[in-house]
Amino acid sequence: MKINEVETLVGITKKNIRFYEKEGLLAPGRNSDNGYREYGEQEVTALKQIKLLRKLGLPLEEIRQMQTGGRTVGDAMARHLVTLERDRENLEQAMRLCGELKDCQHPLRQLDADRILSRMETMEQGGTTFMNKQKGDVRGRYAAPALAAAVIILLMAALIALMAWAFAVDPVGAPPLPLLVVLVALPAVVILGVLLALAQRWKEIGKGEEDEARKY
């Protein structure tokens, strides 16, 4: 099977299939004629197992240990249950703190952040881990550069279309062809530059194993 077929069959994006290959969790064979990767039932089964375990929250290293026989399913789940129990305790601590703040009717500017942060630091020293919502905000950070790029691209495309329309309507009064080519090339170069900048920006935002691996 080709990667497109596997993507449809398993429900994991091509991007993540490549990611799991890079991490050594998947090793498809290659066609001797064209060098393309070829996926069989073994790879499909492995991907389904990876998808299941990732949805349960198991880290990649734990999955790797299970694949190599270093840990059984039971061993891995016993370890993971300890992590989940710790996460539940952390969540309960955060809920209690939020419950106390729920009764605060003051505006934000009157909130004694130093006192609460000091209390949270004490709790963290005792083993509590609070959630980091910055990871959840990453998706929103994709939207702003995409919107800005879309506006610029639309303007440049409209400019190209306008020049093409003017040339079609009045080819006699239009600038010489070499000059027209230059005039069209300028906004085209701007569009290309914007797309390259957008790709680079998205690459910077999307760095990190966790964000990469959890996008099914």
C-alpha atoms as a PDB file:
ATOM      1  CA  MET A   1       0.000   0.000   0.000  1.00  0.00           C
ATOM      2  CA  LYS A   2       1.017   3.604  -0.572  1.00  0.00           C
ATOM      3  CA  ILE A   3       1.046   6.135   2.248  1.00  0.00           C
ATOM      4  CA  ASN A   4      -2.180   7.783   1.005  1.00  0.00           C
ATOM      5  CA  GLU A   5      -4.025   4.476   1.359  1.00  0.00           C
ATOM      6  CA  VAL A   6      -2.610   3.938   4.851  1.00  0.00           C
ATOM      7  CA  GLU A   7      -3.637   7.444   5.865  1.00  0.00           C
ATOM      8  CA  THR A   8      -7.230   6.724   4.847  1.00  0.00           C
ATOM      9  CA  LEU A   9      -7.289   3.229   6.334  1.00  0.00           C
ATOM     10  CA  VAL A  10      -5.797   4.033   9.743  1.00  0.00           C
ATOM     11  CA  GLY A  11      -6.828   7.668  10.187  1.00  0.00           C
ATOM     12  CA  ILE A  12      -3.323   8.973  10.862  1.00  0.00           C
ATOM     13  CA  THR A  13      -2.006  11.809   8.707  1.00  0.00           C
ATOM     14  CA  LYS A  14       0.906  11.306   6.355  1.00  0.00           C
ATOM     15  CA  LYS A  15       2.823  13.855   8.397  1.00  0.00           C
ATOM     16  CA  ASN A  16       2.530  11.731  11.517  1.00  0.00           C
ATOM     17  CA  ILE A  17       3.250   8.494   9.693  1.00  0.00           C
ATOM     18  CA  ARG A  18       6.539  10.056   8.568  1.00  0.00           C
ATOM     19  CA  PHE A  19       7.093  11.261  12.120  1.00  0.00           C
ATOM     20  CA  TYR A  20       6.704   7.775  13.563  1.00  0.00           C
ATOM     21  CA  GLU A  21       9.087   6.435  10.935  1.00  0.00           C
ATOM     22  CA  LYS A  22      11.632   9.074  11.951  1.00  0.00           C
ATOM     23  CA  GLU A  23      11.208   8.056  15.585  1.00  0.00           C
ATOM     24  CA  GLY A  24      11.894   4.427  14.696  1.00  0.00           C
ATOM     25  CA  LEU A  25       8.418   3.160  15.575  1.00  0.00           C
ATOM     26  CA  LEU A  26       7.710   2.170  11.985  1.00  0.00           C
ATOM     27  CA  ALA A  27       9.987   0.697   9.326  1.00  0.00           C
ATOM     28  CA  PRO A  28       8.207   0.135   5.994  1.00  0.00           C
ATOM     29  CA  GLY A  29       9.977  -1.613   3.165  1.00  0.00           C
ATOM     30  CA  ARG A  30      10.899   0.037  -0.114  1.00  0.00           C
ATOM     31  CA  ASN A  31      10.025  -0.874  -3.669  1.00  0.00           C
ATOM     32  CA  SER A  32      13.223  -2.047  -5.368  1.00  0.00           C
ATOM     33  CA  ASP A  33      12.116  -0.533  -8.679  1.00  0.00           C
ATOM     34  CA  ASN A  34      11.295   3.040  -7.662  1.00  0.00           C
ATOM     35  CA  GLY A  35      12.474   3.304  -4.050  1.00  0.00           C
ATOM     36  CA  TYR A  36       9.023   4.303  -2.754  1.00  0.00           C
ATOM     37  CA  ARG A  37       7.941   3.160   0.688  1.00  0.00           C
ATOM     38  CA  GLU A  38       5.518   0.258   0.700  1.00  0.00           C
ATOM     39  CA  TYR A  39       3.247  -0.462   3.651  1.00  0.00           C
ATOM     40  CA  GLY A  40       1.779  -3.854   4.480  1.00  0.00           C
ATOM     41  CA  GLU A  41      -0.474  -5.334   7.125  1.00  0.00           C
ATOM     42  CA  GLN A  42       2.365  -5.283   9.640  1.00  0.00           C
ATOM     43  CA  GLU A  43       2.772  -1.504   9.304  1.00  0.00           C
ATOM     44  CA  VAL A  44      -0.991  -0.936   9.393  1.00  0.00           C
ATOM     45  CA  THR A  45      -1.272  -2.982  12.602  1.00  0.00           C
ATOM     46  CA  ALA A  46       1.658  -1.104  14.156  1.00  0.00           C
ATOM     47  CA  LEU A  47       0.097   2.260  13.296  1.00  0.00           C
ATOM     48  CA  LYS A  48      -3.234   1.255  14.803  1.00  0.00           C
ATOM     49  CA  GLN A  49      -1.435   0.213  17.969  1.00  0.00           C
ATOM     50  CA  ILE A  50       0.492   3.499  18.063  1.00  0.00           C
ATOM     51  CA  LYS A  51      -2.707   5.478  17.518  1.00  0.00           C
ATOM     52  CA  LEU A  52      -4.429   3.612  20.354  1.00  0.00           C
ATOM     53  CA  LEU A  53      -1.566   4.088  22.794  1.00  0.00           C
ATOM     54  CA  ARG A  54      -1.058   7.763  21.919  1.00  0.00           C
ATOM     55  CA  LYS A  55      -4.760   8.429  22.431  1.00  0.00           C
ATOM     56  CA  LEU A  56      -4.364   6.903  25.893  1.00  0.00           C
ATOM     57  CA  GLY A  57      -1.492   9.305  26.490  1.00  0.00           C
ATOM     58  CA  LEU A  58       1.477   6.929  26.505  1.00  0.00           C
ATOM     59  CA  PRO A  59       4.824   8.547  25.644  1.00  0.00           C
ATOM     60  CA  LEU A  60       6.763   7.461  22.587  1.00  0.00           C
ATOM     61  CA  GLU A  61       9.554   5.878  24.622  1.00  0.00           C
ATOM     62  CA  GLU A  62       7.048   3.652  26.407  1.00  0.00           C
ATOM     63  CA  ILE A  63       5.639   2.532  23.047  1.00  0.00           C
ATOM     64  CA  ARG A  64       9.145   1.884  21.797  1.00  0.00           C
ATOM     65  CA  GLN A  65       9.867  -0.332  24.811  1.00  0.00           C
ATOM     66  CA  MET A  66       6.670  -2.270  24.156  1.00  0.00           C
ATOM     67  CA  GLN A  67       7.547  -2.765  20.491  1.00  0.00           C
ATOM     68  CA  THR A  68      10.995  -4.132  21.297  1.00  0.00           C
ATOM     69  CA  GLY A  69       9.643  -6.463  23.982  1.00  0.00           C
ATOM     70  CA  GLY A  70      11.256  -4.526  26.829  1.00  0.00           C
ATOM     71  CA  ARG A  71       7.839  -4.132  28.459  1.00  0.00           C
ATOM     72  CA  THR A  72       4.555  -5.970  28.202  1.00  0.00           C
ATOM     73  CA  VAL A  73       1.267  -4.184  27.715  1.00  0.00           C
ATOM     74  CA  GLY A  74       0.470  -4.777  31.375  1.00  0.00           C
ATOM     75  CA  ASP A  75       3.816  -3.349  32.540  1.00  0.00           C
ATOM     76  CA  ALA A  76       3.362  -0.224  30.436  1.00  0.00           C
ATOM     77  CA  MET A  77      -0.206   0.325  31.586  1.00  0.00           C
ATOM     78  CA  ALA A  78       0.741  -0.109  35.235  1.00  0.00           C
ATOM     79  CA  ARG A  79       3.362   2.606  34.828  1.00  0.00           C
ATOM     80  CA  HIS A  80       0.954   4.798  32.907  1.00  0.00           C
ATOM     81  CA  LEU A  81      -1.745   4.433  35.574  1.00  0.00           C
ATOM     82  CA  VAL A  82       0.692   5.938  38.075  1.00  0.00           C
ATOM     83  CA  THR A  83       1.126   8.917  35.745  1.00  0.00           C
ATOM     84  CA  LEU A  84      -2.631   9.268  35.264  1.00  0.00           C
ATOM     85  CA  GLU A  85      -3.192   9.133  39.013  1.00  0.00           C
ATOM     86  CA  ARG A  86      -0.642  11.901  39.478  1.00  0.00           C
ATOM     87  CA  ASP A  87      -2.349  13.920  36.742  1.00  0.00           C
ATOM     88  CA  ARG A  88      -5.692  13.445  38.485  1.00  0.00           C
ATOM     89  CA  GLU A  89      -4.262  14.680  41.767  1.00  0.00           C
ATOM     90  CA  ASN A  90      -2.806  17.713  39.974  1.00  0.00           C
ATOM     91  CA  LEU A  91      -6.171  18.403  38.366  1.00  0.00           C
ATOM     92  CA  GLU A  92      -7.954  18.116  41.704  1.00  0.00           C
ATOM     93  CA  GLN A  93      -5.506  20.599  43.241  1.00  0.00           C
ATOM     94  CA  ALA A  94      -6.117  23.045  40.385  1.00  0.00           C
ATOM     95  CA  MET A  95      -9.881  22.578  40.712  1.00  0.00           C
ATOM     96  CA  ARG A  96      -9.754  23.341  44.423  1.00  0.00           C
ATOM     97  CA  LEU A  97      -7.785  26.512  43.804  1.00  0.00           C
ATOM     98  CA  CYS A  98     -10.142  27.581  41.019  1.00  0.00           C
ATOM     99  CA  GLY A  99     -13.098  26.828  43.306  1.00  0.00           C
ATOM    100  CA  GLU A 100     -11.709  29.203  45.911  1.00  0.00           C
ATOM    101  CA  LEU A 101     -11.178  31.919  43.310  1.00  0.00           C
ATOM    102  CA  LYS A 102     -14.697  31.402  41.974  1.00  0.00           C
ATOM    103  CA  ASP A 103     -16.078  33.436  44.870  1.00  0.00           C
ATOM    104  CA  CYS A 104     -13.768  36.355  44.144  1.00  0.00           C
ATOM    105  CA  GLN A 105     -15.943  39.174  42.769  1.00  0.00           C
ATOM    106  CA  HIS A 106     -13.107  41.691  42.343  1.00  0.00           C
ATOM    107  CA  PRO A 107     -11.910  42.818  38.884  1.00  0.00           C
ATOM    108  CA  LEU A 108      -8.642  41.325  37.658  1.00  0.00           C
ATOM    109  CA  ARG A 109      -6.636  44.460  38.497  1.00  0.00           C
ATOM    110  CA  GLN A 110      -7.373  43.848  42.193  1.00  0.00           C
ATOM    111  CA  LEU A 111      -6.331  40.203  42.169  1.00  0.00           C
ATOM    112  CA  ASP A 112      -3.397  39.500  44.477  1.00  0.00           C
ATOM    113  CA  ALA A 113      -1.414  37.450  41.972  1.00  0.00           C
ATOM    114  CA  ASP A 114       1.754  37.429  44.123  1.00  0.00           C
ATOM    115  CA  ARG A 115      -0.042  35.699  46.988  1.00  0.00           C
ATOM    116  CA  ILE A 116      -1.631  33.070  44.753  1.00  0.00           C
ATOM    117  CA  LEU A 117       1.552  32.448  42.770  1.00  0.00           C
ATOM    118  CA  SER A 118       3.470  32.008  46.007  1.00  0.00           C
ATOM    119  CA  ARG A 119       0.904  29.450  47.124  1.00  0.00           C
ATOM    120  CA  MET A 120       1.138  27.660  43.768  1.00  0.00           C
ATOM    121  CA  GLU A 121       4.923  27.548  44.002  1.00  0.00           C
ATOM    122  CA  THR A 122       4.618  25.942  47.421  1.00  0.00           C
ATOM    123  CA  MET A 123       2.203  23.395  45.967  1.00  0.00           C
ATOM    124  CA  GLU A 124       4.583  22.715  43.077  1.00  0.00           C
ATOM    125  CA  GLN A 125       7.404  22.091  45.523  1.00  0.00           C
ATOM    126  CA  GLY A 126       5.145  19.475  47.061  1.00  0.00           C
ATOM    127  CA  GLY A 127       4.775  17.738  43.699  1.00  0.00           C
ATOM    128  CA  THR A 128       1.767  19.455  42.107  1.00  0.00           C
ATOM    129  CA  THR A 129       2.058  20.272  38.399  1.00  0.00           C
ATOM    130  CA  PHE A 130      -0.263  22.884  36.982  1.00  0.00           C
ATOM    131  CA  MET A 131      -1.473  22.842  33.384  1.00  0.00           C
ATOM    132  CA  ASN A 132       0.359  24.879  30.764  1.00  0.00           C
ATOM    133  CA  LYS A 133      -2.294  26.292  28.450  1.00  0.00           C
ATOM    134  CA  GLN A 134       0.339  27.768  26.142  1.00  0.00           C
ATOM    135  CA  LYS A 135       0.402  24.431  24.323  1.00  0.00           C
ATOM    136  CA  GLY A 136      -3.312  24.704  23.697  1.00  0.00           C
ATOM    137  CA  ASP A 137      -2.849  28.215  22.345  1.00  0.00           C
ATOM    138  CA  VAL A 138      -0.461  27.081  19.612  1.00  0.00           C
ATOM    139  CA  ARG A 139      -3.271  26.457  17.123  1.00  0.00           C
ATOM    140  CA  GLY A 140      -4.424  30.048  17.500  1.00  0.00           C
ATOM    141  CA  ARG A 141      -0.918  31.258  16.714  1.00  0.00           C
ATOM    142  CA  TYR A 142      -1.180  29.686  13.259  1.00  0.00           C
ATOM    143  CA  ALA A 143      -4.182  31.825  12.358  1.00  0.00           C
ATOM    144  CA  ALA A 144      -2.625  35.316  12.603  1.00  0.00           C
ATOM    145  CA  PRO A 145       0.259  34.811  10.135  1.00  0.00           C
ATOM    146  CA  ALA A 146      -2.031  32.838   7.808  1.00  0.00           C
ATOM    147  CA  LEU A 147      -4.567  35.668   7.738  1.00  0.00           C
ATOM    148  CA  ALA A 148      -1.894  38.303   7.096  1.00  0.00           C
ATOM    149  CA  ALA A 149      -0.376  36.201   4.325  1.00  0.00           C
ATOM    150  CA  ALA A 150      -3.794  35.634   2.738  1.00  0.00           C
ATOM    151  CA  VAL A 151      -4.492  39.368   2.608  1.00  0.00           C
ATOM    152  CA  ILE A 152      -1.164  40.151   0.945  1.00  0.00           C
ATOM    153  CA  ILE A 153      -1.505  37.283  -1.525  1.00  0.00           C
ATOM    154  CA  LEU A 154      -5.024  38.356  -2.496  1.00  0.00           C
ATOM    155  CA  LEU A 155      -3.871  41.941  -3.078  1.00  0.00           C
ATOM    156  CA  MET A 156      -0.936  40.835  -5.220  1.00  0.00           C
ATOM    157  CA  ALA A 157      -3.102  38.385  -7.161  1.00  0.00           C
ATOM    158  CA  ALA A 158      -5.663  41.139  -7.769  1.00  0.00           C
ATOM    159  CA  LEU A 159      -2.901  43.396  -9.059  1.00  0.00           C
ATOM    160  CA  ILE A 160      -1.715  40.718 -11.489  1.00  0.00           C
ATOM    161  CA  ALA A 161      -5.285  40.092 -12.653  1.00  0.00           C
ATOM    162  CA  LEU A 162      -5.819  43.825 -13.154  1.00  0.00           C
ATOM    163  CA  MET A 163      -2.720  44.149 -15.311  1.00  0.00           C
ATOM    164  CA  ALA A 164      -3.694  41.094 -17.347  1.00  0.00           C
ATOM    165  CA  TRP A 165      -7.192  42.495 -17.849  1.00  0.00           C
ATOM    166  CA  ALA A 166      -5.824  45.877 -18.948  1.00  0.00           C
ATOM    167  CA  PHE A 167      -3.534  44.211 -21.467  1.00  0.00           C
ATOM    168  CA  ALA A 168      -6.388  42.095 -22.825  1.00  0.00           C
ATOM    169  CA  VAL A 169      -8.707  45.108 -23.177  1.00  0.00           C
ATOM    170  CA  ASP A 170      -6.179  47.473 -24.762  1.00  0.00           C
ATOM    171  CA  PRO A 171      -3.092  45.621 -25.969  1.00  0.00           C
ATOM    172  CA  VAL A 172      -2.062  48.576 -28.151  1.00  0.00           C
ATOM    173  CA  GLY A 173      -1.939  51.047 -25.278  1.00  0.00           C
ATOM    174  CA  ALA A 174      -0.352  48.586 -22.855  1.00  0.00           C
ATOM    175  CA  PRO A 175       3.310  48.875 -21.825  1.00  0.00           C
ATOM    176  CA  PRO A 176       5.895  46.965 -23.864  1.00  0.00           C
ATOM    177  CA  LEU A 177       5.801  43.243 -23.251  1.00  0.00           C
ATOM    178  CA  PRO A 178       9.169  43.066 -21.398  1.00  0.00           C
ATOM    179  CA  LEU A 179       8.037  45.815 -19.026  1.00  0.00           C
ATOM    180  CA  LEU A 180       4.686  44.082 -18.551  1.00  0.00           C
ATOM    181  CA  VAL A 181       6.465  40.852 -17.662  1.00  0.00           C
ATOM    182  CA  VAL A 182       8.505  42.701 -15.048  1.00  0.00           C
ATOM    183  CA  LEU A 183       5.393  44.367 -13.633  1.00  0.00           C
ATOM    184  CA  VAL A 184       3.662  40.993 -13.319  1.00  0.00           C
ATOM    185  CA  ALA A 185       6.770  39.314 -11.920  1.00  0.00           C
ATOM    186  CA  LEU A 186       7.101  41.765  -9.034  1.00  0.00           C
ATOM    187  CA  PRO A 187       3.832  40.871  -7.250  1.00  0.00           C
ATOM    188  CA  ALA A 188       4.439  37.208  -8.127  1.00  0.00           C
ATOM    189  CA  VAL A 189       7.779  37.369  -6.318  1.00  0.00           C
ATOM    190  CA  VAL A 190       6.053  39.022  -3.366  1.00  0.00           C
ATOM    191  CA  ILE A 191       3.533  36.152  -3.248  1.00  0.00           C
ATOM    192  CA  LEU A 192       6.327  33.580  -3.306  1.00  0.00           C
ATOM    193  CA  GLY A 193       8.186  35.407  -0.545  1.00  0.00           C
ATOM    194  CA  VAL A 194       5.075  35.572   1.609  1.00  0.00           C
ATOM    195  CA  LEU A 195       4.435  31.838   1.169  1.00  0.00           C
ATOM    196  CA  LEU A 196       8.029  30.992   2.098  1.00  0.00           C
ATOM    197  CA  ALA A 197       7.863  33.256   5.151  1.00  0.00           C
ATOM    198  CA  LEU A 198       4.556  31.681   6.186  1.00  0.00           C
ATOM    199  CA  ALA A 199       5.975  28.179   5.853  1.00  0.00           C
ATOM    200  CA  GLN A 200       8.977  29.141   7.965  1.00  0.00           C
ATOM    201  CA  ARG A 201       6.756  30.740  10.600  1.00  0.00           C
ATOM    202  CA  TRP A 202       4.512  27.674  10.803  1.00  0.00           C
ATOM    203  CA  LYS A 203       7.582  25.492  11.104  1.00  0.00           C
ATOM    204  CA  GLU A 204       8.780  27.549  14.065  1.00  0.00           C
ATOM    205  CA  ILE A 205       5.352  27.420  15.741  1.00  0.00           C
ATOM    206  CA  GLY A 206       4.948  23.706  15.134  1.00  0.00           C
ATOM    207  CA  LYS A 207       8.278  22.581  16.597  1.00  0.00           C
ATOM    208  CA  GLY A 208       8.179  19.985  19.312  1.00  0.00           C
ATOM    209  CA  GLU A 209       7.416  16.293  19.499  1.00  0.00           C
ATOM    210  CA  GLU A 210       4.228  16.625  21.488  1.00  0.00           C
ATOM    211  CA  ASP A 211       2.453  18.964  19.088  1.00  0.00           C
ATOM    212  CA  GLU A 212       3.665  16.973  16.133  1.00  0.00           C
ATOM    213  CA  ALA A 213       2.732  13.552  17.377  1.00  0.00           C
ATOM    214  CA  ARG A 214      -0.744  14.242  18.691  1.00  0.00           C
ATOM    215  CA  LYS A 215      -2.212  15.621  15.446  1.00  0.00           C
ATOM    216  CA  TYR A 216      -4.127  12.637  14.025  1.00  0.00           C
END
